[in-house]
Every structure is written in structure tokens, then in C-alpha cells.
Amino acid sequence: MGLFGYFKEDTKASASVAKERLQILVKHERNQRNAPDYLPALQREVMAVVAKYVSIGDEDIMVQVENQDQMSVLEVNITLPN
């Protein structure tokens, strides 16, 4: 029975990891749904400007808009190469 217990513990760990990943995906989808229509175009334009000076990929830039206390906050995260 010790062998079955070993596999059972791994199932709980993988289930919690899967749950966390699902929560991240759901949060990302909700943020995408509430995002303004101009956000994808803004992301492409920012990426084009940065790409003039530094080589970056599509996955290296993230643009988000958050609504906080009657104001919107634009957040741009760019991962630059070393």
C-alpha cells in the first residue's frame, strides 16, 4: 500500500498545480475581455518602436489597462535582452 500512497500524493500536488494554472488562465482571459479595443493596436505600435532599437519578440511585451478608483492605469512590461 505504500507504493499507492506515493502516487496518491503526487496526484494532489499535480492537481493543485493544475488548479493554479487554470486560475491564472481565467484571470488572463477576464482581463482580455475587459480590455479596450485599441489595446492590441497600441501593443503592436509600442513593439514596433522598441524593435527599432532592440531585437524583441511578440512574447517580450505585455500591455495591460487596469481600472482603479475612477482612473485607468496603463501598464507596459517589456523584457529586454541582456
C-alpha atoms as a PDB file:
ATOM      1  CA  MET A   1       0.000   0.000   0.000  1.00  0.00           C
ATOM      2  CA  GLY A   2       2.989   2.326   0.446  1.00  0.00           C
ATOM      3  CA  LEU A   3       3.514   2.407  -3.307  1.00  0.00           C
ATOM      4  CA  PHE A   4      -0.082   3.524  -3.944  1.00  0.00           C
ATOM      5  CA  GLY A   5       0.235   6.217  -1.295  1.00  0.00           C
ATOM      6  CA  TYR A   6       3.262   7.592  -3.090  1.00  0.00           C
ATOM      7  CA  PHE A   7       1.300   8.019  -6.318  1.00  0.00           C
ATOM      8  CA  LYS A   8      -1.675   9.490  -4.486  1.00  0.00           C
ATOM      9  CA  GLU A   9       0.453  12.305  -3.019  1.00  0.00           C
ATOM     10  CA  ASP A  10       1.750  13.223  -6.483  1.00  0.00           C
ATOM     11  CA  THR A  11      -1.826  13.446  -7.736  1.00  0.00           C
ATOM     12  CA  LYS A  12      -2.669  16.018  -5.071  1.00  0.00           C
ATOM     13  CA  ALA A  13       0.415  18.061  -5.920  1.00  0.00           C
ATOM     14  CA  SER A  14      -0.294  17.961  -9.651  1.00  0.00           C
ATOM     15  CA  ALA A  15      -3.953  18.782  -9.032  1.00  0.00           C
ATOM     16  CA  SER A  16      -3.038  21.904  -7.062  1.00  0.00           C
ATOM     17  CA  VAL A  17      -0.568  22.952  -9.763  1.00  0.00           C
ATOM     18  CA  ALA A  18      -3.241  22.451 -12.425  1.00  0.00           C
ATOM     19  CA  LYS A  19      -5.707  24.481 -10.351  1.00  0.00           C
ATOM     20  CA  GLU A  20      -3.222  27.355 -10.016  1.00  0.00           C
ATOM     21  CA  ARG A  21      -2.528  27.319 -13.754  1.00  0.00           C
ATOM     22  CA  LEU A  22      -6.242  27.346 -14.512  1.00  0.00           C
ATOM     23  CA  GLN A  23      -6.768  30.295 -12.176  1.00  0.00           C
ATOM     24  CA  ILE A  24      -4.011  32.214 -13.971  1.00  0.00           C
ATOM     25  CA  LEU A  25      -5.576  31.453 -17.360  1.00  0.00           C
ATOM     26  CA  VAL A  26      -9.046  32.511 -16.188  1.00  0.00           C
ATOM     27  CA  LYS A  27      -7.689  35.773 -14.766  1.00  0.00           C
ATOM     28  CA  HIS A  28      -5.825  36.489 -18.003  1.00  0.00           C
ATOM     29  CA  GLU A  29      -8.960  35.801 -20.072  1.00  0.00           C
ATOM     30  CA  ARG A  30     -11.063  38.086 -17.863  1.00  0.00           C
ATOM     31  CA  ASN A  31      -8.506  40.870 -18.234  1.00  0.00           C
ATOM     32  CA  GLN A  32      -8.511  40.402 -22.012  1.00  0.00           C
ATOM     33  CA  ARG A  33     -12.309  40.546 -22.120  1.00  0.00           C
ATOM     34  CA  ASN A  34     -12.442  43.850 -20.228  1.00  0.00           C
ATOM     35  CA  ALA A  35      -9.592  45.399 -22.205  1.00  0.00           C
ATOM     36  CA  PRO A  36     -10.256  48.358 -24.500  1.00  0.00           C
ATOM     37  CA  ASP A  37     -10.455  47.762 -28.266  1.00  0.00           C
ATOM     38  CA  TYR A  38      -7.353  49.836 -29.000  1.00  0.00           C
ATOM     39  CA  LEU A  39      -5.066  47.750 -26.781  1.00  0.00           C
ATOM     40  CA  PRO A  40      -3.821  45.263 -29.449  1.00  0.00           C
ATOM     41  CA  ALA A  41      -3.024  48.130 -31.847  1.00  0.00           C
ATOM     42  CA  LEU A  42      -1.243  50.014 -29.072  1.00  0.00           C
ATOM     43  CA  GLN A  43       0.810  46.926 -28.250  1.00  0.00           C
ATOM     44  CA  ARG A  44       1.838  46.498 -31.913  1.00  0.00           C
ATOM     45  CA  GLU A  45       2.850  50.162 -32.197  1.00  0.00           C
ATOM     46  CA  VAL A  46       4.880  50.120 -28.970  1.00  0.00           C
ATOM     47  CA  MET A  47       6.574  46.924 -30.109  1.00  0.00           C
ATOM     48  CA  ALA A  48       7.432  48.480 -33.485  1.00  0.00           C
ATOM     49  CA  VAL A  49       9.066  51.487 -31.797  1.00  0.00           C
ATOM     50  CA  VAL A  50      11.067  49.358 -29.354  1.00  0.00           C
ATOM     51  CA  ALA A  51      12.061  46.948 -32.155  1.00  0.00           C
ATOM     52  CA  LYS A  52      13.796  49.841 -33.960  1.00  0.00           C
ATOM     53  CA  TYR A  53      16.385  49.889 -31.195  1.00  0.00           C
ATOM     54  CA  VAL A  54      16.308  46.413 -29.597  1.00  0.00           C
ATOM     55  CA  SER A  55      15.510  42.987 -31.019  1.00  0.00           C
ATOM     56  CA  ILE A  56      12.405  41.694 -29.174  1.00  0.00           C
ATOM     57  CA  GLY A  57       9.728  39.100 -29.861  1.00  0.00           C
ATOM     58  CA  ASP A  58       5.955  39.183 -29.506  1.00  0.00           C
ATOM     59  CA  GLU A  59       6.151  37.394 -26.154  1.00  0.00           C
ATOM     60  CA  ASP A  60       8.552  40.021 -24.750  1.00  0.00           C
ATOM     61  CA  ILE A  61       5.969  42.798 -24.463  1.00  0.00           C
ATOM     62  CA  MET A  62       2.772  42.932 -22.425  1.00  0.00           C
ATOM     63  CA  VAL A  63       0.326  45.843 -22.330  1.00  0.00           C
ATOM     64  CA  GLN A  64      -2.481  45.975 -19.761  1.00  0.00           C
ATOM     65  CA  VAL A  65      -5.047  48.505 -18.629  1.00  0.00           C
ATOM     66  CA  GLU A  66      -6.315  48.379 -15.054  1.00  0.00           C
ATOM     67  CA  ASN A  67      -9.188  50.444 -13.692  1.00  0.00           C
ATOM     68  CA  GLN A  68      -8.521  51.714 -10.176  1.00  0.00           C
ATOM     69  CA  ASP A  69     -10.550  54.254  -8.217  1.00  0.00           C
ATOM     70  CA  GLN A  70     -12.075  56.200 -11.116  1.00  0.00           C
ATOM     71  CA  MET A  71      -8.889  56.177 -13.203  1.00  0.00           C
ATOM     72  CA  SER A  72      -7.250  53.850 -15.694  1.00  0.00           C
ATOM     73  CA  VAL A  73      -3.661  52.716 -15.370  1.00  0.00           C
ATOM     74  CA  LEU A  74      -1.735  51.687 -18.473  1.00  0.00           C
ATOM     75  CA  GLU A  75       0.988  49.150 -17.695  1.00  0.00           C
ATOM     76  CA  VAL A  76       3.613  48.232 -20.306  1.00  0.00           C
ATOM     77  CA  ASN A  77       6.092  45.467 -19.477  1.00  0.00           C
ATOM     78  CA  ILE A  78       8.940  44.862 -21.911  1.00  0.00           C
ATOM     79  CA  THR A  79      11.509  42.125 -21.361  1.00  0.00           C
ATOM     80  CA  LEU A  80      14.748  43.371 -22.868  1.00  0.00           C
ATOM     81  CA  PRO A  81      17.624  41.075 -23.839  1.00  0.00           C
ATOM     82  CA  ASN A  82      20.864  41.318 -21.875  1.00  0.00           C
END
